[in-house]
Amino acid sequence: MNSLVGMIIPDGMNQFFSALALQTQRQLANMGIPMVVLNSDNSSDNEMQGVDLLLKMNVKGIIFVSVGDNEEVYHQLRSSKIPIVIVDREIPETENCDFVISNNKVGIIEAVKYLKTLGHEKLGILKGLQNTDPGRIRYQAFLEALDDCGLKHDPRMEFDGEFDYLSGTKAADEIYNFPKAKRPTAVISCNDFMAFGLLQGFARLEIDVPKDISIIGVDDIPLCEWSNPKLTSVRQDTTQIAIWAAKYLVSRIAGECSGTPRLEWVEPRLIKRESVKICGKKI
């Protein structure tokens, strides 16, 4: 098979998406299939233009990671009639699409339970964009996990974020303005980019991580091993996501599957490093 396919990612600067694109490209290259990657730069207009461009290039299929809720681009993909694989979200009423989704709920619940076992009771969350499935699911999982663990939910410990570095530095400033005794003992950041903003913001404000506040990120991008302290993070397995995305797309292109959409859940894993410490009495 020698058919050009396309992939659209929302943020090429984010190591999670660049790693996912690289892994997917490798998987397809092993099958002899070239892939072109477009970056929508977190713009709904750009992603619609990207789909148009790929269709004009006569690609045989598209792997798509959306910026956020965008019914226009979903309609565009449905109408294309070519094989589509959607990563990280589901789109209703589709026949030409398959889905590969990281189990965001499980990852956040594991992170909350881990913090609880280390004695943390005042947990904060740096939320991602709420017009995206990952942002909504991670936030709702956090609330559910607090309830399951018997921990109090304090809305003052919720911090709005947009999955970018500056959201982390802003949240660090907000937390600094709390009286010391009222600050969260740990913060779960809904992606690693924001967690690095937290780390740098806290360093600037002389808040020690993890001595004063623990941090857990999501994605486990390579920078987690290079930061100081090394960042504890919920790993999204880009290799497995890429394997399933490539497999589903190629099988549809080859005519081996049609009709009913397929869904593959990829399980996350908490990678424990240096940014979390015991708080009080360990359970």
C-alpha atoms as a PDB file:
ATOM      1  CA  MET A   1       0.000   0.000   0.000  1.00  0.00           C
ATOM      2  CA  ASN A   2       1.436   3.392  -0.976  1.00  0.00           C
ATOM      3  CA  SER A   3      -1.278   5.909  -0.105  1.00  0.00           C
ATOM      4  CA  LEU A   4      -0.616   9.344   1.373  1.00  0.00           C
ATOM      5  CA  VAL A   5      -2.450  10.023   4.637  1.00  0.00           C
ATOM      6  CA  GLY A   6      -2.677  13.153   6.777  1.00  0.00           C
ATOM      7  CA  MET A   7      -2.625  13.988  10.454  1.00  0.00           C
ATOM      8  CA  ILE A   8      -3.772  17.204  12.141  1.00  0.00           C
ATOM      9  CA  ILE A   9      -2.582  18.042  15.663  1.00  0.00           C
ATOM     10  CA  PRO A  10      -3.629  21.084  17.739  1.00  0.00           C
ATOM     11  CA  ASP A  11      -0.283  22.221  19.139  1.00  0.00           C
ATOM     12  CA  GLY A  12       3.056  21.303  17.600  1.00  0.00           C
ATOM     13  CA  MET A  13       4.897  23.020  20.478  1.00  0.00           C
ATOM     14  CA  ASN A  14       3.403  20.558  22.976  1.00  0.00           C
ATOM     15  CA  GLN A  15       5.691  17.544  23.260  1.00  0.00           C
ATOM     16  CA  PHE A  16       2.740  15.209  23.737  1.00  0.00           C
ATOM     17  CA  PHE A  17       1.313  16.009  20.309  1.00  0.00           C
ATOM     18  CA  SER A  18       4.683  16.147  18.564  1.00  0.00           C
ATOM     19  CA  ALA A  19       5.589  12.760  20.067  1.00  0.00           C
ATOM     20  CA  LEU A  20       2.220  11.346  19.028  1.00  0.00           C
ATOM     21  CA  ALA A  21       2.742  12.584  15.457  1.00  0.00           C
ATOM     22  CA  LEU A  22       6.251  11.138  15.335  1.00  0.00           C
ATOM     23  CA  GLN A  23       5.136   7.740  16.662  1.00  0.00           C
ATOM     24  CA  THR A  24       2.219   7.624  14.224  1.00  0.00           C
ATOM     25  CA  GLN A  25       4.496   8.552  11.328  1.00  0.00           C
ATOM     26  CA  ARG A  26       6.849   5.714  12.307  1.00  0.00           C
ATOM     27  CA  GLN A  27       4.026   3.190  12.516  1.00  0.00           C
ATOM     28  CA  LEU A  28       2.739   4.127   9.069  1.00  0.00           C
ATOM     29  CA  ALA A  29       6.242   4.242   7.578  1.00  0.00           C
ATOM     30  CA  ASN A  30       6.726   0.633   8.674  1.00  0.00           C
ATOM     31  CA  MET A  31       3.695  -0.179   6.492  1.00  0.00           C
ATOM     32  CA  GLY A  32       5.075   1.814   3.576  1.00  0.00           C
ATOM     33  CA  ILE A  33       2.580   4.664   3.980  1.00  0.00           C
ATOM     34  CA  PRO A  34       3.781   8.305   3.956  1.00  0.00           C
ATOM     35  CA  MET A  35       2.074  10.812   6.238  1.00  0.00           C
ATOM     36  CA  VAL A  36       1.909  14.608   6.171  1.00  0.00           C
ATOM     37  CA  VAL A  37       1.396  16.415   9.511  1.00  0.00           C
ATOM     38  CA  LEU A  38      -0.402  19.752   9.885  1.00  0.00           C
ATOM     39  CA  ASN A  39      -0.442  21.892  13.037  1.00  0.00           C
ATOM     40  CA  SER A  40      -3.709  23.772  13.617  1.00  0.00           C
ATOM     41  CA  ASP A  41      -2.034  25.982  16.245  1.00  0.00           C
ATOM     42  CA  ASN A  42      -5.060  25.742  18.546  1.00  0.00           C
ATOM     43  CA  SER A  43      -7.309  27.382  15.946  1.00  0.00           C
ATOM     44  CA  SER A  44     -10.639  25.938  14.828  1.00  0.00           C
ATOM     45  CA  ASP A  45     -10.350  27.866  11.571  1.00  0.00           C
ATOM     46  CA  ASN A  46      -6.888  26.416  10.944  1.00  0.00           C
ATOM     47  CA  GLU A  47      -8.043  22.866  11.509  1.00  0.00           C
ATOM     48  CA  MET A  48     -10.920  23.301   9.041  1.00  0.00           C
ATOM     49  CA  GLN A  49      -8.508  24.744   6.497  1.00  0.00           C
ATOM     50  CA  GLY A  50      -6.193  21.832   7.232  1.00  0.00           C
ATOM     51  CA  VAL A  51      -8.907  19.290   6.473  1.00  0.00           C
ATOM     52  CA  ASP A  52      -9.673  21.128   3.219  1.00  0.00           C
ATOM     53  CA  LEU A  53      -5.994  21.069   2.267  1.00  0.00           C
ATOM     54  CA  LEU A  54      -5.632  17.363   2.982  1.00  0.00           C
ATOM     55  CA  LEU A  55      -8.728  16.560   0.937  1.00  0.00           C
ATOM     56  CA  LYS A  56      -7.336  18.617  -1.966  1.00  0.00           C
ATOM     57  CA  MET A  57      -4.143  16.550  -1.664  1.00  0.00           C
ATOM     58  CA  ASN A  58      -6.317  13.428  -2.137  1.00  0.00           C
ATOM     59  CA  VAL A  59      -5.151  11.783   1.056  1.00  0.00           C
ATOM     60  CA  LYS A  60      -6.650   8.351   1.610  1.00  0.00           C
ATOM     61  CA  GLY A  61      -7.339   8.924   5.297  1.00  0.00           C
ATOM     62  CA  ILE A  62      -6.914  11.399   8.157  1.00  0.00           C
ATOM     63  CA  ILE A  63      -5.858  11.033  11.797  1.00  0.00           C
ATOM     64  CA  PHE A  64      -7.370  13.976  13.636  1.00  0.00           C
ATOM     65  CA  VAL A  65      -6.744  15.532  17.059  1.00  0.00           C
ATOM     66  CA  SER A  66      -9.157  18.417  17.581  1.00  0.00           C
ATOM     67  CA  VAL A  67      -8.560  21.809  19.162  1.00  0.00           C
ATOM     68  CA  GLY A  68     -11.929  21.547  20.931  1.00  0.00           C
ATOM     69  CA  ASP A  69     -15.656  21.322  20.328  1.00  0.00           C
ATOM     70  CA  ASN A  70     -16.170  22.263  16.676  1.00  0.00           C
ATOM     71  CA  GLU A  71     -19.286  20.851  15.041  1.00  0.00           C
ATOM     72  CA  GLU A  72     -18.322  22.408  11.704  1.00  0.00           C
ATOM     73  CA  VAL A  73     -15.117  20.427  11.414  1.00  0.00           C
ATOM     74  CA  TYR A  74     -16.870  17.285  12.645  1.00  0.00           C
ATOM     75  CA  HIS A  75     -19.410  17.710   9.845  1.00  0.00           C
ATOM     76  CA  GLN A  76     -16.536  18.293   7.436  1.00  0.00           C
ATOM     77  CA  LEU A  77     -14.906  15.018   8.480  1.00  0.00           C
ATOM     78  CA  ARG A  78     -18.164  13.054   8.319  1.00  0.00           C
ATOM     79  CA  SER A  79     -18.871  14.419   4.845  1.00  0.00           C
ATOM     80  CA  SER A  80     -15.426  13.588   3.501  1.00  0.00           C
ATOM     81  CA  LYS A  81     -16.358   9.895   3.199  1.00  0.00           C
ATOM     82  CA  ILE A  82     -12.683   8.929   3.584  1.00  0.00           C
ATOM     83  CA  PRO A  83     -11.437   6.886   6.563  1.00  0.00           C
ATOM     84  CA  ILE A  84     -10.915   8.985   9.699  1.00  0.00           C
ATOM     85  CA  VAL A  85      -9.378   8.153  13.069  1.00  0.00           C
ATOM     86  CA  ILE A  86     -10.187  10.580  15.878  1.00  0.00           C
ATOM     87  CA  VAL A  87      -7.772  10.679  18.802  1.00  0.00           C
ATOM     88  CA  ASP A  88      -8.836  11.751  22.314  1.00  0.00           C
ATOM     89  CA  ARG A  89     -12.561  12.318  21.733  1.00  0.00           C
ATOM     90  CA  GLU A  90     -15.710  10.707  20.347  1.00  0.00           C
ATOM     91  CA  ILE A  91     -17.930  12.206  17.667  1.00  0.00           C
ATOM     92  CA  PRO A  92     -21.542  10.971  17.513  1.00  0.00           C
ATOM     93  CA  GLU A  93     -23.312   9.850  14.356  1.00  0.00           C
ATOM     94  CA  THR A  94     -20.270   8.866  12.344  1.00  0.00           C
ATOM     95  CA  GLU A  95     -19.739   5.908  10.036  1.00  0.00           C
ATOM     96  CA  ASN A  96     -16.329   6.593   8.529  1.00  0.00           C
ATOM     97  CA  CYS A  97     -14.556   7.196  11.858  1.00  0.00           C
ATOM     98  CA  ASP A  98     -12.768   5.111  14.462  1.00  0.00           C
ATOM     99  CA  PHE A  99     -11.625   6.387  17.857  1.00  0.00           C
ATOM    100  CA  VAL A 100      -8.489   5.941  19.956  1.00  0.00           C
ATOM    101  CA  ILE A 101      -8.839   7.490  23.394  1.00  0.00           C
ATOM    102  CA  SER A 102      -6.596   7.629  26.440  1.00  0.00           C
ATOM    103  CA  ASN A 103      -8.558   6.746  29.573  1.00  0.00           C
ATOM    104  CA  ASN A 104      -8.286  10.177  31.175  1.00  0.00           C
ATOM    105  CA  LYS A 105     -10.667   9.337  33.986  1.00  0.00           C
ATOM    106  CA  VAL A 106      -8.614   6.409  35.261  1.00  0.00           C
ATOM    107  CA  GLY A 107      -5.395   8.421  35.211  1.00  0.00           C
ATOM    108  CA  ILE A 108      -6.732  11.293  37.302  1.00  0.00           C
ATOM    109  CA  ILE A 109      -8.384   8.951  39.794  1.00  0.00           C
ATOM    110  CA  GLU A 110      -5.069   7.117  40.248  1.00  0.00           C
ATOM    111  CA  ALA A 111      -3.302  10.435  40.865  1.00  0.00           C
ATOM    112  CA  VAL A 112      -5.809  11.518  43.524  1.00  0.00           C
ATOM    113  CA  LYS A 113      -5.636   8.152  45.289  1.00  0.00           C
ATOM    114  CA  TYR A 114      -1.836   8.294  45.290  1.00  0.00           C
ATOM    115  CA  LEU A 115      -1.868  11.713  46.931  1.00  0.00           C
ATOM    116  CA  LYS A 116      -4.399  10.503  49.495  1.00  0.00           C
ATOM    117  CA  THR A 117      -2.149   7.569  50.455  1.00  0.00           C
ATOM    118  CA  LEU A 118       0.688  10.057  51.060  1.00  0.00           C
ATOM    119  CA  GLY A 119      -1.452  12.011  53.508  1.00  0.00           C
ATOM    120  CA  HIS A 120      -2.560  14.881  51.255  1.00  0.00           C
ATOM    121  CA  GLU A 121      -6.040  16.192  52.030  1.00  0.00           C
ATOM    122  CA  LYS A 122      -6.083  19.688  50.490  1.00  0.00           C
ATOM    123  CA  LEU A 123      -5.894  19.048  46.759  1.00  0.00           C
ATOM    124  CA  GLY A 124      -6.048  21.667  44.050  1.00  0.00           C
ATOM    125  CA  ILE A 125      -6.578  21.211  40.328  1.00  0.00           C
ATOM    126  CA  LEU A 126      -5.265  23.261  37.424  1.00  0.00           C
ATOM    127  CA  LYS A 127      -7.977  22.615  34.866  1.00  0.00           C
ATOM    128  CA  GLY A 128      -7.605  22.346  31.120  1.00  0.00           C
ATOM    129  CA  LEU A 129      -9.902  23.855  28.516  1.00  0.00           C
ATOM    130  CA  GLN A 130     -13.483  22.841  29.289  1.00  0.00           C
ATOM    131  CA  ASN A 131     -14.472  22.858  25.609  1.00  0.00           C
ATOM    132  CA  THR A 132     -12.376  19.722  25.102  1.00  0.00           C
ATOM    133  CA  ASP A 133     -13.127  16.154  26.139  1.00  0.00           C
ATOM    134  CA  PRO A 134      -9.769  15.730  27.958  1.00  0.00           C
ATOM    135  CA  GLY A 135     -10.323  18.963  29.892  1.00  0.00           C
ATOM    136  CA  ARG A 136     -13.869  18.063  30.936  1.00  0.00           C
ATOM    137  CA  ILE A 137     -13.159  14.410  31.725  1.00  0.00           C
ATOM    138  CA  ARG A 138     -10.060  15.115  33.807  1.00  0.00           C
ATOM    139  CA  TYR A 139     -11.897  17.744  35.846  1.00  0.00           C
ATOM    140  CA  GLN A 140     -14.944  15.543  36.443  1.00  0.00           C
ATOM    141  CA  ALA A 141     -12.686  12.599  37.358  1.00  0.00           C
ATOM    142  CA  PHE A 142     -10.929  14.800  39.918  1.00  0.00           C
ATOM    143  CA  LEU A 143     -14.256  15.686  41.574  1.00  0.00           C
ATOM    144  CA  GLU A 144     -15.350  12.050  41.534  1.00  0.00           C
ATOM    145  CA  ALA A 145     -12.047  10.875  43.015  1.00  0.00           C
ATOM    146  CA  LEU A 146     -12.219  13.440  45.809  1.00  0.00           C
ATOM    147  CA  ASP A 147     -15.652  12.116  46.738  1.00  0.00           C
ATOM    148  CA  ASP A 148     -14.527   8.483  46.541  1.00  0.00           C
ATOM    149  CA  CYS A 149     -11.528   9.219  48.769  1.00  0.00           C
ATOM    150  CA  GLY A 150     -13.560  11.165  51.305  1.00  0.00           C
ATOM    151  CA  LEU A 151     -11.703  14.398  50.558  1.00  0.00           C
ATOM    152  CA  LYS A 152     -13.333  17.825  50.708  1.00  0.00           C
ATOM    153  CA  HIS A 153     -13.901  19.715  47.472  1.00  0.00           C
ATOM    154  CA  ASP A 154     -12.945  23.373  47.824  1.00  0.00           C
ATOM    155  CA  PRO A 155     -13.861  25.441  44.729  1.00  0.00           C
ATOM    156  CA  ARG A 156     -11.219  28.005  45.730  1.00  0.00           C
ATOM    157  CA  MET A 157      -8.611  25.361  44.879  1.00  0.00           C
ATOM    158  CA  GLU A 158      -9.774  25.114  41.276  1.00  0.00           C
ATOM    159  CA  PHE A 159      -7.637  27.107  38.854  1.00  0.00           C
ATOM    160  CA  ASP A 160      -8.605  27.774  35.254  1.00  0.00           C
ATOM    161  CA  GLY A 161      -6.131  26.778  32.563  1.00  0.00           C
ATOM    162  CA  GLU A 162      -5.790  26.540  28.802  1.00  0.00           C
ATOM    163  CA  PHE A 163      -3.269  23.684  28.600  1.00  0.00           C
ATOM    164  CA  ASP A 164      -0.397  26.181  28.189  1.00  0.00           C
ATOM    165  CA  TYR A 165       2.649  27.235  30.204  1.00  0.00           C
ATOM    166  CA  LEU A 166       1.269  30.662  31.128  1.00  0.00           C
ATOM    167  CA  SER A 167      -1.769  29.049  32.767  1.00  0.00           C
ATOM    168  CA  GLY A 168       0.654  27.427  35.204  1.00  0.00           C
ATOM    169  CA  THR A 169       2.496  30.627  36.079  1.00  0.00           C
ATOM    170  CA  LYS A 170      -0.826  32.394  36.601  1.00  0.00           C
ATOM    171  CA  ALA A 171      -2.062  29.622  38.925  1.00  0.00           C
ATOM    172  CA  ALA A 172       1.214  29.837  40.882  1.00  0.00           C
ATOM    173  CA  ASP A 173       0.536  33.532  41.494  1.00  0.00           C
ATOM    174  CA  GLU A 174      -3.015  32.772  42.635  1.00  0.00           C
ATOM    175  CA  ILE A 175      -1.820  30.090  45.049  1.00  0.00           C
ATOM    176  CA  TYR A 176       0.910  32.387  46.406  1.00  0.00           C
ATOM    177  CA  ASN A 177      -1.786  34.892  47.372  1.00  0.00           C
ATOM    178  CA  PHE A 178      -3.463  32.312  49.625  1.00  0.00           C
ATOM    179  CA  PRO A 179      -2.482  32.456  53.311  1.00  0.00           C
ATOM    180  CA  LYS A 180       0.159  29.735  53.739  1.00  0.00           C
ATOM    181  CA  ALA A 181      -2.095  27.614  55.921  1.00  0.00           C
ATOM    182  CA  LYS A 182      -4.867  27.747  53.290  1.00  0.00           C
ATOM    183  CA  ARG A 183      -2.773  26.671  50.301  1.00  0.00           C
ATOM    184  CA  PRO A 184      -3.291  23.239  48.741  1.00  0.00           C
ATOM    185  CA  THR A 185      -0.679  20.695  49.753  1.00  0.00           C
ATOM    186  CA  ALA A 186      -0.772  19.241  46.243  1.00  0.00           C
ATOM    187  CA  VAL A 187      -1.973  20.328  42.802  1.00  0.00           C
ATOM    188  CA  ILE A 188      -2.931  18.097  39.900  1.00  0.00           C
ATOM    189  CA  SER A 189      -2.240  19.915  36.648  1.00  0.00           C
ATOM    190  CA  CYS A 190      -4.315  18.612  33.727  1.00  0.00           C
ATOM    191  CA  ASN A 191      -1.277  18.584  31.465  1.00  0.00           C
ATOM    192  CA  ASP A 192       2.489  18.797  31.827  1.00  0.00           C
ATOM    193  CA  PHE A 193       2.890  22.150  30.063  1.00  0.00           C
ATOM    194  CA  MET A 194       0.825  23.827  32.767  1.00  0.00           C
ATOM    195  CA  ALA A 195       2.681  21.852  35.438  1.00  0.00           C
ATOM    196  CA  PHE A 196       5.985  23.291  34.214  1.00  0.00           C
ATOM    197  CA  GLY A 197       4.459  26.757  34.469  1.00  0.00           C
ATOM    198  CA  LEU A 198       3.545  25.934  38.066  1.00  0.00           C
ATOM    199  CA  LEU A 199       7.072  24.712  38.791  1.00  0.00           C
ATOM    200  CA  GLN A 200       8.679  27.842  37.395  1.00  0.00           C
ATOM    201  CA  GLY A 201       6.121  30.128  39.014  1.00  0.00           C
ATOM    202  CA  PHE A 202       6.626  28.524  42.413  1.00  0.00           C
ATOM    203  CA  ALA A 203      10.423  28.754  42.039  1.00  0.00           C
ATOM    204  CA  ARG A 204      10.129  32.481  41.295  1.00  0.00           C
ATOM    205  CA  LEU A 205       7.908  32.903  44.375  1.00  0.00           C
ATOM    206  CA  GLU A 206      10.210  30.784  46.561  1.00  0.00           C
ATOM    207  CA  ILE A 207       7.612  28.056  47.078  1.00  0.00           C
ATOM    208  CA  ASP A 208       9.522  24.792  47.259  1.00  0.00           C
ATOM    209  CA  VAL A 209       8.314  21.770  45.256  1.00  0.00           C
ATOM    210  CA  PRO A 210       7.701  19.259  46.760  1.00  0.00           C
ATOM    211  CA  LYS A 211       8.524  20.499  50.268  1.00  0.00           C
ATOM    212  CA  ASP A 212       5.777  23.140  50.309  1.00  0.00           C
ATOM    213  CA  ILE A 213       3.466  21.909  47.535  1.00  0.00           C
ATOM    214  CA  SER A 214       3.461  18.685  45.501  1.00  0.00           C
ATOM    215  CA  ILE A 215       2.637  18.646  41.787  1.00  0.00           C
ATOM    216  CA  ILE A 216       1.363  15.927  39.427  1.00  0.00           C
ATOM    217  CA  GLY A 217       1.062  16.529  35.692  1.00  0.00           C
ATOM    218  CA  VAL A 218      -0.603  14.647  32.865  1.00  0.00           C
ATOM    219  CA  ASP A 219       0.957  13.311  29.630  1.00  0.00           C
ATOM    220  CA  ASP A 220       4.472  12.395  30.860  1.00  0.00           C
ATOM    221  CA  ILE A 221       6.290  14.245  28.097  1.00  0.00           C
ATOM    222  CA  PRO A 222      10.120  13.840  27.927  1.00  0.00           C
ATOM    223  CA  LEU A 223      10.693  17.120  29.804  1.00  0.00           C
ATOM    224  CA  CYS A 224       9.342  15.451  32.952  1.00  0.00           C
ATOM    225  CA  GLU A 225      12.668  13.637  33.299  1.00  0.00           C
ATOM    226  CA  TRP A 226      14.664  16.842  32.807  1.00  0.00           C
ATOM    227  CA  SER A 227      12.868  19.259  35.110  1.00  0.00           C
ATOM    228  CA  ASN A 228      14.033  20.063  38.625  1.00  0.00           C
ATOM    229  CA  PRO A 229      12.465  18.379  40.463  1.00  0.00           C
ATOM    230  CA  LYS A 230      11.597  15.627  38.017  1.00  0.00           C
ATOM    231  CA  LEU A 231       7.846  15.755  37.465  1.00  0.00           C
ATOM    232  CA  THR A 232       5.469  13.022  38.603  1.00  0.00           C
ATOM    233  CA  SER A 233       2.971  12.600  35.763  1.00  0.00           C
ATOM    234  CA  VAL A 234       0.160  10.454  34.419  1.00  0.00           C
ATOM    235  CA  ARG A 235       1.632   8.881  31.291  1.00  0.00           C
ATOM    236  CA  GLN A 236      -0.432   8.823  28.122  1.00  0.00           C
ATOM    237  CA  ASP A 237       1.102   6.070  26.031  1.00  0.00           C
ATOM    238  CA  THR A 238       1.773   7.797  22.702  1.00  0.00           C
ATOM    239  CA  THR A 239       3.207   4.597  21.221  1.00  0.00           C
ATOM    240  CA  GLN A 240       0.049   2.581  21.888  1.00  0.00           C
ATOM    241  CA  ILE A 241      -2.183   5.414  20.721  1.00  0.00           C
ATOM    242  CA  ALA A 242      -0.152   5.617  17.504  1.00  0.00           C
ATOM    243  CA  ILE A 243      -0.217   1.855  16.963  1.00  0.00           C
ATOM    244  CA  TRP A 244      -4.011   1.698  17.214  1.00  0.00           C
ATOM    245  CA  ALA A 245      -4.562   4.878  15.184  1.00  0.00           C
ATOM    246  CA  ALA A 246      -2.380   3.547  12.352  1.00  0.00           C
ATOM    247  CA  LYS A 247      -3.944   0.081  12.526  1.00  0.00           C
ATOM    248  CA  TYR A 248      -7.509   1.375  12.374  1.00  0.00           C
ATOM    249  CA  LEU A 249      -6.795   3.841   9.568  1.00  0.00           C
ATOM    250  CA  VAL A 250      -4.988   1.319   7.374  1.00  0.00           C
ATOM    251  CA  SER A 251      -7.659  -1.334   7.837  1.00  0.00           C
ATOM    252  CA  ARG A 252     -10.359   1.108   6.698  1.00  0.00           C
ATOM    253  CA  ILE A 253      -8.291   2.251   3.724  1.00  0.00           C
ATOM    254  CA  ALA A 254      -7.822  -1.397   2.753  1.00  0.00           C
ATOM    255  CA  GLY A 255     -11.574  -2.000   2.970  1.00  0.00           C
ATOM    256  CA  GLU A 256     -11.223  -4.488   5.808  1.00  0.00           C
ATOM    257  CA  CYS A 257     -13.642  -2.517   7.986  1.00  0.00           C
ATOM    258  CA  SER A 258     -16.624  -0.343   7.167  1.00  0.00           C
ATOM    259  CA  GLY A 259     -19.686   0.921   8.980  1.00  0.00           C
ATOM    260  CA  THR A 260     -19.713   0.635  12.766  1.00  0.00           C
ATOM    261  CA  PRO A 261     -17.068   2.815  14.418  1.00  0.00           C
ATOM    262  CA  ARG A 262     -14.451   1.064  16.550  1.00  0.00           C
ATOM    263  CA  LEU A 263     -13.190   2.412  19.869  1.00  0.00           C
ATOM    264  CA  GLU A 264      -9.890   1.577  21.570  1.00  0.00           C
ATOM    265  CA  TRP A 265      -9.198   2.739  25.114  1.00  0.00           C
ATOM    266  CA  VAL A 266      -5.504   3.177  25.973  1.00  0.00           C
ATOM    267  CA  GLU A 267      -4.795   2.897  29.672  1.00  0.00           C
ATOM    268  CA  PRO A 268      -2.595   5.532  31.384  1.00  0.00           C
ATOM    269  CA  ARG A 269      -0.008   4.911  34.096  1.00  0.00           C
ATOM    270  CA  LEU A 270       1.178   7.116  36.961  1.00  0.00           C
ATOM    271  CA  ILE A 271       4.941   7.686  36.738  1.00  0.00           C
ATOM    272  CA  LYS A 272       6.237   8.594  40.196  1.00  0.00           C
ATOM    273  CA  ARG A 273       9.180  10.978  40.374  1.00  0.00           C
ATOM    274  CA  GLU A 274      10.411  13.787  42.629  1.00  0.00           C
ATOM    275  CA  SER A 275       7.646  16.416  42.588  1.00  0.00           C
ATOM    276  CA  VAL A 276       5.467  14.665  45.214  1.00  0.00           C
ATOM    277  CA  LYS A 277       6.264  14.028  48.856  1.00  0.00           C
ATOM    278  CA  ILE A 278       4.577  12.597  51.923  1.00  0.00           C
ATOM    279  CA  CYS A 279       2.318  15.103  53.700  1.00  0.00           C
ATOM    280  CA  GLY A 280       1.667  14.444  57.363  1.00  0.00           C
ATOM    281  CA  LYS A 281       0.878  10.833  58.155  1.00  0.00           C
ATOM    282  CA  LYS A 282       1.104   8.381  55.256  1.00  0.00           C
ATOM    283  CA  ILE A 283      -1.913   6.095  54.918  1.00  0.00           C
END
